[in-house]
N, C-alpha and C. Protein backbone atom coordinates (compact mmCIF):
# COMPACT_ATOMS: atom_id res chain seq x y z
N UNK A 1 -59.07 24.77 -51.69
CA UNK A 1 -57.94 24.64 -50.80
C UNK A 1 -56.69 24.95 -51.62
N UNK A 2 -56.17 26.13 -51.47
CA UNK A 2 -54.98 26.53 -52.22
C UNK A 2 -53.81 26.67 -51.26
N UNK A 3 -52.68 26.22 -51.71
CA UNK A 3 -51.46 26.35 -50.90
C UNK A 3 -50.27 26.38 -51.85
N UNK A 4 -49.22 27.06 -51.49
CA UNK A 4 -48.07 27.16 -52.38
C UNK A 4 -47.23 25.88 -52.43
N UNK A 5 -47.09 25.34 -53.60
CA UNK A 5 -46.12 24.29 -53.92
C UNK A 5 -45.99 23.16 -52.91
N UNK A 6 -47.09 22.70 -52.37
CA UNK A 6 -47.01 21.55 -51.47
C UNK A 6 -48.25 20.71 -51.66
N UNK A 7 -48.03 19.46 -52.01
CA UNK A 7 -49.15 18.53 -52.19
C UNK A 7 -49.70 18.15 -50.82
N UNK A 8 -51.01 18.29 -50.62
CA UNK A 8 -51.58 17.93 -49.32
C UNK A 8 -51.58 16.42 -49.13
N UNK A 9 -51.57 15.98 -47.89
CA UNK A 9 -51.72 14.56 -47.61
C UNK A 9 -53.17 14.18 -47.90
N UNK A 10 -53.48 12.93 -47.95
CA UNK A 10 -54.85 12.50 -48.21
C UNK A 10 -55.82 12.91 -47.11
N UNK A 11 -55.31 13.08 -45.88
CA UNK A 11 -56.17 13.44 -44.76
C UNK A 11 -56.70 14.87 -44.89
N UNK A 12 -55.91 15.77 -45.47
CA UNK A 12 -56.34 17.17 -45.59
C UNK A 12 -57.55 17.34 -46.52
N UNK A 13 -57.49 16.86 -47.76
CA UNK A 13 -58.68 17.01 -48.60
C UNK A 13 -59.87 16.19 -48.08
N UNK A 14 -59.60 15.05 -47.44
CA UNK A 14 -60.70 14.27 -46.86
C UNK A 14 -61.43 15.09 -45.80
N UNK A 15 -60.69 15.75 -44.92
CA UNK A 15 -61.30 16.58 -43.88
C UNK A 15 -62.09 17.73 -44.50
N UNK A 16 -61.54 18.36 -45.52
CA UNK A 16 -62.22 19.44 -46.21
C UNK A 16 -63.53 18.95 -46.84
N UNK A 17 -63.45 17.82 -47.56
CA UNK A 17 -64.64 17.26 -48.20
C UNK A 17 -65.68 16.82 -47.18
N UNK A 18 -65.23 16.25 -46.08
CA UNK A 18 -66.16 15.80 -45.04
C UNK A 18 -66.98 16.99 -44.52
N UNK A 19 -66.31 18.11 -44.23
CA UNK A 19 -67.02 19.30 -43.76
C UNK A 19 -67.96 19.84 -44.83
N UNK A 20 -67.48 19.88 -46.07
CA UNK A 20 -68.29 20.41 -47.17
C UNK A 20 -69.53 19.56 -47.42
N UNK A 21 -69.34 18.26 -47.52
CA UNK A 21 -70.47 17.34 -47.77
C UNK A 21 -71.46 17.40 -46.61
N UNK A 22 -70.96 17.45 -45.39
CA UNK A 22 -71.85 17.53 -44.22
C UNK A 22 -72.68 18.81 -44.28
N UNK A 23 -72.06 19.92 -44.60
CA UNK A 23 -72.79 21.19 -44.67
C UNK A 23 -73.85 21.18 -45.77
N UNK A 24 -73.48 20.67 -46.94
CA UNK A 24 -74.45 20.59 -48.04
C UNK A 24 -75.62 19.69 -47.66
N UNK A 25 -75.32 18.52 -47.11
CA UNK A 25 -76.39 17.57 -46.79
C UNK A 25 -77.22 18.01 -45.58
N UNK A 26 -76.69 18.90 -44.75
CA UNK A 26 -77.50 19.41 -43.64
C UNK A 26 -78.65 20.27 -44.16
N UNK A 27 -78.48 20.87 -45.32
CA UNK A 27 -79.53 21.68 -45.92
C UNK A 27 -80.35 20.89 -46.95
N UNK A 28 -79.69 20.00 -47.68
CA UNK A 28 -80.35 19.21 -48.73
C UNK A 28 -79.95 17.75 -48.54
N UNK A 29 -80.62 17.02 -47.67
CA UNK A 29 -80.18 15.66 -47.31
C UNK A 29 -80.18 14.63 -48.44
N UNK A 30 -81.02 14.82 -49.45
CA UNK A 30 -81.11 13.82 -50.51
C UNK A 30 -80.39 14.24 -51.79
N UNK A 31 -79.62 15.30 -51.73
CA UNK A 31 -78.95 15.80 -52.93
C UNK A 31 -77.85 14.83 -53.37
N UNK A 32 -77.68 14.72 -54.67
CA UNK A 32 -76.57 13.93 -55.21
C UNK A 32 -75.39 14.85 -55.39
N UNK A 33 -74.23 14.44 -54.91
CA UNK A 33 -73.04 15.28 -54.95
C UNK A 33 -72.00 14.62 -55.84
N UNK A 34 -71.41 15.42 -56.73
CA UNK A 34 -70.32 14.95 -57.58
C UNK A 34 -69.09 15.80 -57.26
N UNK A 35 -68.03 15.14 -56.84
CA UNK A 35 -66.77 15.82 -56.54
C UNK A 35 -65.88 15.71 -57.77
N UNK A 36 -65.45 16.85 -58.30
CA UNK A 36 -64.48 16.88 -59.40
C UNK A 36 -63.23 17.56 -58.90
N UNK A 37 -62.09 16.92 -59.09
CA UNK A 37 -60.85 17.50 -58.58
C UNK A 37 -59.66 16.97 -59.38
N UNK A 38 -58.53 17.64 -59.20
CA UNK A 38 -57.32 17.22 -59.90
C UNK A 38 -56.63 16.08 -59.14
N UNK A 39 -55.46 15.70 -59.61
CA UNK A 39 -54.78 14.53 -59.05
C UNK A 39 -54.33 14.71 -57.61
N UNK A 40 -54.27 15.94 -57.11
CA UNK A 40 -53.89 16.13 -55.71
C UNK A 40 -54.94 15.56 -54.75
N UNK A 41 -56.16 15.42 -55.22
CA UNK A 41 -57.22 14.85 -54.39
C UNK A 41 -57.28 13.33 -54.54
N UNK A 42 -56.60 12.78 -55.50
CA UNK A 42 -56.69 11.34 -55.75
C UNK A 42 -55.80 10.59 -54.77
N UNK A 43 -56.33 10.39 -53.58
CA UNK A 43 -55.62 9.68 -52.51
C UNK A 43 -56.58 8.63 -51.94
N UNK A 44 -56.05 7.56 -51.39
CA UNK A 44 -56.93 6.51 -50.84
C UNK A 44 -57.93 7.04 -49.82
N UNK A 45 -57.51 7.98 -48.98
CA UNK A 45 -58.42 8.52 -47.97
C UNK A 45 -59.62 9.22 -48.59
N UNK A 46 -59.38 9.95 -49.69
CA UNK A 46 -60.46 10.66 -50.37
C UNK A 46 -61.40 9.67 -51.06
N UNK A 47 -60.82 8.67 -51.73
CA UNK A 47 -61.64 7.67 -52.39
C UNK A 47 -62.53 6.93 -51.39
N UNK A 48 -61.95 6.54 -50.27
CA UNK A 48 -62.72 5.83 -49.23
C UNK A 48 -63.83 6.72 -48.69
N UNK A 49 -63.53 8.00 -48.45
CA UNK A 49 -64.54 8.91 -47.95
C UNK A 49 -65.69 9.05 -48.95
N UNK A 50 -65.36 9.29 -50.21
CA UNK A 50 -66.40 9.49 -51.23
C UNK A 50 -67.31 8.27 -51.33
N UNK A 51 -66.73 7.09 -51.28
CA UNK A 51 -67.56 5.88 -51.34
C UNK A 51 -68.44 5.75 -50.11
N UNK A 52 -67.88 6.00 -48.93
CA UNK A 52 -68.64 5.88 -47.69
C UNK A 52 -69.73 6.94 -47.59
N UNK A 53 -69.48 8.13 -48.15
CA UNK A 53 -70.45 9.23 -48.07
C UNK A 53 -71.44 9.21 -49.23
N UNK A 54 -71.40 8.14 -50.04
CA UNK A 54 -72.29 8.03 -51.21
C UNK A 54 -72.17 9.27 -52.09
N UNK A 55 -70.94 9.66 -52.35
CA UNK A 55 -70.64 10.82 -53.17
C UNK A 55 -69.94 10.36 -54.44
N UNK A 56 -70.46 10.75 -55.59
CA UNK A 56 -69.79 10.41 -56.85
C UNK A 56 -68.54 11.26 -56.99
N UNK A 57 -67.57 10.76 -57.75
CA UNK A 57 -66.34 11.52 -57.89
C UNK A 57 -65.70 11.30 -59.25
N UNK A 58 -65.05 12.35 -59.74
CA UNK A 58 -64.21 12.34 -60.94
C UNK A 58 -62.90 12.98 -60.52
N UNK A 59 -61.87 12.19 -60.39
CA UNK A 59 -60.59 12.72 -59.93
C UNK A 59 -59.52 12.49 -60.99
N UNK A 60 -58.70 13.50 -61.20
CA UNK A 60 -57.59 13.34 -62.11
C UNK A 60 -56.58 12.37 -61.55
N UNK A 61 -55.82 11.76 -62.42
CA UNK A 61 -54.78 10.82 -62.00
C UNK A 61 -53.47 11.28 -62.62
N UNK A 62 -52.45 11.41 -61.80
CA UNK A 62 -51.14 11.81 -62.31
C UNK A 62 -50.62 10.73 -63.26
N UNK A 63 -49.94 11.16 -64.29
CA UNK A 63 -49.42 10.22 -65.28
C UNK A 63 -48.32 9.33 -64.68
N UNK A 64 -48.41 8.05 -65.02
CA UNK A 64 -47.38 7.09 -64.62
C UNK A 64 -47.07 6.22 -65.83
N UNK A 65 -46.00 5.45 -65.76
CA UNK A 65 -45.67 4.58 -66.89
C UNK A 65 -46.76 3.54 -67.10
N UNK A 66 -47.37 3.05 -66.03
CA UNK A 66 -48.46 2.08 -66.16
C UNK A 66 -49.66 2.71 -66.85
N UNK A 67 -50.04 3.91 -66.44
CA UNK A 67 -51.15 4.60 -67.08
C UNK A 67 -50.84 4.86 -68.55
N UNK A 68 -49.66 5.33 -68.86
CA UNK A 68 -49.27 5.60 -70.25
C UNK A 68 -49.39 4.33 -71.09
N UNK A 69 -48.96 3.20 -70.55
CA UNK A 69 -49.03 1.94 -71.27
C UNK A 69 -50.48 1.56 -71.59
N UNK A 70 -51.39 1.82 -70.65
CA UNK A 70 -52.80 1.48 -70.86
C UNK A 70 -53.47 2.36 -71.92
N UNK A 71 -53.02 3.60 -72.08
CA UNK A 71 -53.73 4.51 -72.98
C UNK A 71 -52.99 4.83 -74.26
N UNK A 72 -51.80 4.32 -74.47
CA UNK A 72 -51.04 4.71 -75.66
C UNK A 72 -51.73 4.32 -76.96
N UNK A 73 -52.36 3.17 -77.03
CA UNK A 73 -53.08 2.77 -78.25
C UNK A 73 -54.30 3.67 -78.48
N UNK A 74 -55.04 3.93 -77.42
CA UNK A 74 -56.20 4.82 -77.53
C UNK A 74 -55.77 6.23 -77.94
N UNK A 75 -54.68 6.70 -77.39
CA UNK A 75 -54.18 8.03 -77.73
C UNK A 75 -53.78 8.12 -79.20
N UNK A 76 -53.11 7.11 -79.70
CA UNK A 76 -52.69 7.10 -81.11
C UNK A 76 -53.89 7.05 -82.04
N UNK A 77 -54.88 6.20 -81.73
CA UNK A 77 -56.05 6.11 -82.61
C UNK A 77 -56.90 7.39 -82.54
N UNK A 78 -56.93 8.03 -81.39
CA UNK A 78 -57.66 9.30 -81.26
C UNK A 78 -56.98 10.39 -82.09
N UNK A 79 -55.67 10.41 -82.08
CA UNK A 79 -54.93 11.39 -82.89
C UNK A 79 -55.22 11.19 -84.37
N UNK A 80 -55.25 9.94 -84.82
CA UNK A 80 -55.57 9.66 -86.23
C UNK A 80 -57.00 10.08 -86.57
N UNK A 81 -57.95 9.75 -85.70
CA UNK A 81 -59.35 10.13 -85.94
C UNK A 81 -59.51 11.64 -86.01
N UNK A 82 -58.84 12.35 -85.11
CA UNK A 82 -58.94 13.81 -85.09
C UNK A 82 -58.37 14.41 -86.36
N UNK A 83 -57.25 13.89 -86.83
CA UNK A 83 -56.62 14.41 -88.04
C UNK A 83 -57.49 14.20 -89.27
N UNK A 84 -58.25 13.10 -89.29
CA UNK A 84 -59.08 12.80 -90.46
C UNK A 84 -60.49 13.39 -90.37
N UNK A 85 -60.85 13.94 -89.21
CA UNK A 85 -62.20 14.51 -89.04
C UNK A 85 -62.27 15.90 -89.66
N UNK A 86 -63.33 16.18 -90.38
CA UNK A 86 -63.48 17.52 -90.95
C UNK A 86 -63.81 18.55 -89.87
N UNK A 87 -63.25 19.74 -90.00
CA UNK A 87 -63.58 20.82 -89.08
C UNK A 87 -62.74 20.88 -87.82
N UNK A 88 -61.95 19.88 -87.54
CA UNK A 88 -61.08 19.90 -86.36
C UNK A 88 -61.80 20.05 -85.04
N UNK A 89 -63.01 19.48 -84.94
CA UNK A 89 -63.75 19.56 -83.69
C UNK A 89 -63.09 18.70 -82.61
N UNK A 90 -63.42 19.01 -81.35
CA UNK A 90 -62.88 18.24 -80.24
C UNK A 90 -63.33 16.79 -80.34
N UNK A 91 -62.47 15.91 -79.92
CA UNK A 91 -62.77 14.49 -79.93
C UNK A 91 -62.38 13.93 -78.57
N UNK A 92 -63.35 13.38 -77.87
CA UNK A 92 -63.09 12.81 -76.55
C UNK A 92 -63.41 11.34 -76.58
N UNK A 93 -62.51 10.56 -76.03
CA UNK A 93 -62.72 9.12 -75.93
C UNK A 93 -62.33 8.69 -74.53
N UNK A 94 -62.89 7.59 -74.08
CA UNK A 94 -62.67 7.14 -72.72
C UNK A 94 -62.28 5.67 -72.73
N UNK A 95 -61.56 5.30 -71.70
CA UNK A 95 -61.16 3.90 -71.57
C UNK A 95 -61.17 3.55 -70.09
N UNK A 96 -61.65 2.37 -69.78
CA UNK A 96 -61.64 1.89 -68.42
C UNK A 96 -60.73 0.68 -68.34
N UNK A 97 -59.96 0.60 -67.28
CA UNK A 97 -59.08 -0.54 -67.09
C UNK A 97 -58.77 -0.71 -65.62
N UNK A 98 -58.32 -1.89 -65.27
CA UNK A 98 -57.90 -2.18 -63.90
C UNK A 98 -56.44 -2.59 -63.96
N UNK A 99 -55.64 -1.93 -63.11
CA UNK A 99 -54.22 -2.30 -63.12
C UNK A 99 -53.93 -3.24 -61.96
N UNK A 100 -52.67 -3.50 -61.70
CA UNK A 100 -52.29 -4.45 -60.65
C UNK A 100 -52.74 -4.05 -59.27
N UNK A 101 -52.94 -2.73 -59.06
CA UNK A 101 -53.39 -2.27 -57.75
C UNK A 101 -54.91 -2.32 -57.63
N UNK A 102 -55.58 -2.80 -58.66
CA UNK A 102 -57.05 -2.91 -58.69
C UNK A 102 -57.72 -1.56 -58.53
N UNK A 103 -57.09 -0.54 -59.07
CA UNK A 103 -57.68 0.81 -58.97
C UNK A 103 -58.22 1.25 -60.32
C-alpha cells in the first residue's frame, strides 16, 4: 500500500490485511502468517486485528522520548560491544519492556 506523504489511518491497513489474510487462508487454512511492517502499520486497529486473526506480527515503532529512555542503556552498551568486537560484524540485541500504556 503506497501513497504519497500521507500516513494511513489504522482502519486502512487493517482492511488491507483483513483481505490479504482472508485470501491466503482461503487457500491454506492452517498456514502460519507473520506480518512485518514499518511504524505506519503500528496502530491499535492493526494490533487488534492481528491478535484476533491469530497472525504473528513484527511492527516498527516510531521513536518517542519514552522509547529512547527505555533503550538508551542498551544502545550505549551495544555500541561499546561493537567497537571492541574483532571484524566489525553486525551486532543485534533486543529488549522487551512495558510502558505506561501497557504496550
